[in-house]
Amino acid sequence: MARSRTADQHAEDEAVVRQGFWAKMKRVAASLPFANDLLAAYYCAFDRDTPLHVKAALMGALAYFVMPFDIMPDVMPLLGYTDDAAVLATAIRMVAGHIKTEHRDAAESAIARVTEG
């Protein structure tokens, strides 16, 4: 039986996120005001207990962050991550009840590791 388009898109988004998320996060974490939310979304998306529809929403937002081409190029000073923040905020609003304290705690720990000298 063929997989649905949603399942295929989720698989593609997950591959993009797995491949590029941490490299980009290490480069830009210190300058992103939404880094904690981004990482909490990451940990929620990869949590085995997170429902598939929630994972799909978060993976889409995370993939958008990782992709080098988006509406507003990330190299633009001040404005470059505005679109990424908007996409992430929308996804988080849709699934906020699924982002748990342990996801937020893991995000804080990761920020500390990524931004250390």
C-alpha atoms as a PDB file:
ATOM      1  CA  MET A   1       0.000   0.000   0.000  1.00  0.00           C
ATOM      2  CA  ALA A   2       1.370   3.418  -0.932  1.00  0.00           C
ATOM      3  CA  ARG A   3       2.094   5.873   1.823  1.00  0.00           C
ATOM      4  CA  SER A   4      -0.001   8.996   1.983  1.00  0.00           C
ATOM      5  CA  ARG A   5       1.379  12.326   0.859  1.00  0.00           C
ATOM      6  CA  THR A   6       1.346  13.445   4.477  1.00  0.00           C
ATOM      7  CA  ALA A   7       3.501  10.507   5.546  1.00  0.00           C
ATOM      8  CA  ASP A   8       5.873  11.113   2.631  1.00  0.00           C
ATOM      9  CA  GLN A   9       6.153  14.813   3.445  1.00  0.00           C
ATOM     10  CA  HIS A  10       6.761  14.009   7.110  1.00  0.00           C
ATOM     11  CA  ALA A  11       9.550  11.590   6.146  1.00  0.00           C
ATOM     12  CA  GLU A  12      11.156  14.206   3.891  1.00  0.00           C
ATOM     13  CA  ASP A  13      10.926  16.890   6.588  1.00  0.00           C
ATOM     14  CA  GLU A  14      12.407  14.539   9.173  1.00  0.00           C
ATOM     15  CA  ALA A  15      15.344  13.726   6.895  1.00  0.00           C
ATOM     16  CA  VAL A  16      16.012  17.439   6.310  1.00  0.00           C
ATOM     17  CA  VAL A  17      15.854  18.170  10.038  1.00  0.00           C
ATOM     18  CA  ARG A  18      18.083  15.231  11.003  1.00  0.00           C
ATOM     19  CA  GLN A  19      20.647  16.264   8.398  1.00  0.00           C
ATOM     20  CA  GLY A  20      20.907  19.991   9.064  1.00  0.00           C
ATOM     21  CA  PHE A  21      19.351  21.048  12.350  1.00  0.00           C
ATOM     22  CA  TRP A  22      22.295  20.857  14.747  1.00  0.00           C
ATOM     23  CA  ALA A  23      24.831  22.385  12.362  1.00  0.00           C
ATOM     24  CA  LYS A  24      22.605  25.406  11.804  1.00  0.00           C
ATOM     25  CA  MET A  25      21.660  25.628  15.486  1.00  0.00           C
ATOM     26  CA  LYS A  26      25.316  25.738  16.510  1.00  0.00           C
ATOM     27  CA  ARG A  27      25.954  28.560  14.036  1.00  0.00           C
ATOM     28  CA  VAL A  28      23.050  30.778  15.054  1.00  0.00           C
ATOM     29  CA  ALA A  29      21.782  29.775  18.523  1.00  0.00           C
ATOM     30  CA  ALA A  30      23.337  32.681  20.377  1.00  0.00           C
ATOM     31  CA  SER A  31      21.652  35.217  18.089  1.00  0.00           C
ATOM     32  CA  LEU A  32      18.159  33.687  17.956  1.00  0.00           C
ATOM     33  CA  PRO A  33      15.656  35.071  20.450  1.00  0.00           C
ATOM     34  CA  PHE A  34      13.443  32.041  19.778  1.00  0.00           C
ATOM     35  CA  ALA A  35      16.180  29.387  20.217  1.00  0.00           C
ATOM     36  CA  ASN A  36      14.551  27.846  23.314  1.00  0.00           C
ATOM     37  CA  ASP A  37      11.214  27.414  21.518  1.00  0.00           C
ATOM     38  CA  LEU A  38      12.986  26.014  18.478  1.00  0.00           C
ATOM     39  CA  LEU A  39      14.797  23.416  20.560  1.00  0.00           C
ATOM     40  CA  ALA A  40      11.701  22.532  22.601  1.00  0.00           C
ATOM     41  CA  ALA A  41       9.894  21.939  19.294  1.00  0.00           C
ATOM     42  CA  TYR A  42      12.798  19.752  18.150  1.00  0.00           C
ATOM     43  CA  TYR A  43      12.692  17.604  21.278  1.00  0.00           C
ATOM     44  CA  CYS A  44       8.912  17.305  21.101  1.00  0.00           C
ATOM     45  CA  ALA A  45       9.052  16.328  17.417  1.00  0.00           C
ATOM     46  CA  PHE A  46      11.470  13.492  18.139  1.00  0.00           C
ATOM     47  CA  ASP A  47       9.714  12.282  21.300  1.00  0.00           C
ATOM     48  CA  ARG A  48       8.256   8.791  20.757  1.00  0.00           C
ATOM     49  CA  ASP A  49       5.171   9.763  22.770  1.00  0.00           C
ATOM     50  CA  THR A  50       4.302  12.727  20.549  1.00  0.00           C
ATOM     51  CA  PRO A  51       1.326  12.027  18.246  1.00  0.00           C
ATOM     52  CA  LEU A  52       2.091  11.857  14.524  1.00  0.00           C
ATOM     53  CA  HIS A  53       0.019  14.926  13.601  1.00  0.00           C
ATOM     54  CA  VAL A  54       1.980  16.984  16.145  1.00  0.00           C
ATOM     55  CA  LYS A  55       5.297  15.629  14.863  1.00  0.00           C
ATOM     56  CA  ALA A  56       4.263  16.512  11.314  1.00  0.00           C
ATOM     57  CA  ALA A  57       3.456  20.126  12.227  1.00  0.00           C
ATOM     58  CA  LEU A  58       6.695  20.563  14.137  1.00  0.00           C
ATOM     59  CA  MET A  59       8.846  18.804  11.525  1.00  0.00           C
ATOM     60  CA  GLY A  60       7.478  21.143   8.876  1.00  0.00           C
ATOM     61  CA  ALA A  61       8.463  24.182  10.933  1.00  0.00           C
ATOM     62  CA  LEU A  62      11.868  22.721  11.809  1.00  0.00           C
ATOM     63  CA  ALA A  63      12.540  21.813   8.175  1.00  0.00           C
ATOM     64  CA  TYR A  64      11.669  25.386   7.177  1.00  0.00           C
ATOM     65  CA  PHE A  65      14.279  26.617   9.674  1.00  0.00           C
ATOM     66  CA  VAL A  66      16.932  24.246   8.300  1.00  0.00           C
ATOM     67  CA  MET A  67      16.277  24.836   4.594  1.00  0.00           C
ATOM     68  CA  PRO A  68      18.686  27.336   3.053  1.00  0.00           C
ATOM     69  CA  PHE A  69      15.992  28.886   0.841  1.00  0.00           C
ATOM     70  CA  ASP A  70      13.027  30.612   2.401  1.00  0.00           C
ATOM     71  CA  ILE A  71      10.928  33.725   1.983  1.00  0.00           C
ATOM     72  CA  MET A  72      13.343  35.994   3.807  1.00  0.00           C
ATOM     73  CA  PRO A  73      17.016  34.952   3.495  1.00  0.00           C
ATOM     74  CA  ASP A  74      18.605  34.245   6.871  1.00  0.00           C
ATOM     75  CA  VAL A  75      21.652  36.348   5.991  1.00  0.00           C
ATOM     76  CA  MET A  76      19.629  39.573   6.093  1.00  0.00           C
ATOM     77  CA  PRO A  77      20.503  41.453   9.276  1.00  0.00           C
ATOM     78  CA  LEU A  78      17.664  41.609  11.829  1.00  0.00           C
ATOM     79  CA  LEU A  79      14.979  40.402   9.421  1.00  0.00           C
ATOM     80  CA  GLY A  80      16.479  37.133   8.210  1.00  0.00           C
ATOM     81  CA  TYR A  81      14.892  34.876  10.810  1.00  0.00           C
ATOM     82  CA  THR A  82      11.555  36.698  11.040  1.00  0.00           C
ATOM     83  CA  ASP A  83       9.830  34.236   8.739  1.00  0.00           C
ATOM     84  CA  ASP A  84      11.378  31.256  10.543  1.00  0.00           C
ATOM     85  CA  ALA A  85      10.101  32.621  13.864  1.00  0.00           C
ATOM     86  CA  ALA A  86       6.611  33.144  12.426  1.00  0.00           C
ATOM     87  CA  VAL A  87       6.422  29.604  11.031  1.00  0.00           C
ATOM     88  CA  LEU A  88       7.679  28.152  14.319  1.00  0.00           C
ATOM     89  CA  ALA A  89       5.290  30.266  16.416  1.00  0.00           C
ATOM     90  CA  THR A  90       2.349  29.123  14.305  1.00  0.00           C
ATOM     91  CA  ALA A  91       3.313  25.462  14.643  1.00  0.00           C
ATOM     92  CA  ILE A  92       3.837  25.801  18.402  1.00  0.00           C
ATOM     93  CA  ARG A  93       0.451  27.493  18.833  1.00  0.00           C
ATOM     94  CA  MET A  94      -1.158  24.575  17.017  1.00  0.00           C
ATOM     95  CA  VAL A  95       0.435  21.944  19.266  1.00  0.00           C
ATOM     96  CA  ALA A  96       1.372  23.808  22.459  1.00  0.00           C
ATOM     97  CA  GLY A  97      -0.261  21.254  24.749  1.00  0.00           C
ATOM     98  CA  HIS A  98       2.139  18.590  23.510  1.00  0.00           C
ATOM     99  CA  ILE A  99       5.340  20.486  24.304  1.00  0.00           C
ATOM    100  CA  LYS A 100       6.145  19.209  27.778  1.00  0.00           C
ATOM    101  CA  THR A 101       8.291  20.511  30.598  1.00  0.00           C
ATOM    102  CA  GLU A 102      10.921  17.883  29.782  1.00  0.00           C
ATOM    103  CA  HIS A 103      11.144  19.210  26.209  1.00  0.00           C
ATOM    104  CA  ARG A 104      11.697  22.737  27.524  1.00  0.00           C
ATOM    105  CA  ASP A 105      14.267  21.500  30.078  1.00  0.00           C
ATOM    106  CA  ALA A 106      16.150  19.630  27.350  1.00  0.00           C
ATOM    107  CA  ALA A 107      16.068  22.795  25.234  1.00  0.00           C
ATOM    108  CA  GLU A 108      17.612  24.871  28.015  1.00  0.00           C
ATOM    109  CA  SER A 109      20.373  22.295  28.518  1.00  0.00           C
ATOM    110  CA  ALA A 110      21.080  22.171  24.787  1.00  0.00           C
ATOM    111  CA  ILE A 111      21.281  25.966  24.551  1.00  0.00           C
ATOM    112  CA  ALA A 112      23.849  25.949  27.339  1.00  0.00           C
ATOM    113  CA  ARG A 113      25.911  23.304  25.523  1.00  0.00           C
ATOM    114  CA  VAL A 114      25.648  24.916  22.095  1.00  0.00           C
ATOM    115  CA  THR A 115      26.527  28.426  23.255  1.00  0.00           C
ATOM    116  CA  GLU A 116      29.454  27.442  25.487  1.00  0.00           C
ATOM    117  CA  GLY A 117      32.762  28.860  24.404  1.00  0.00           C
END
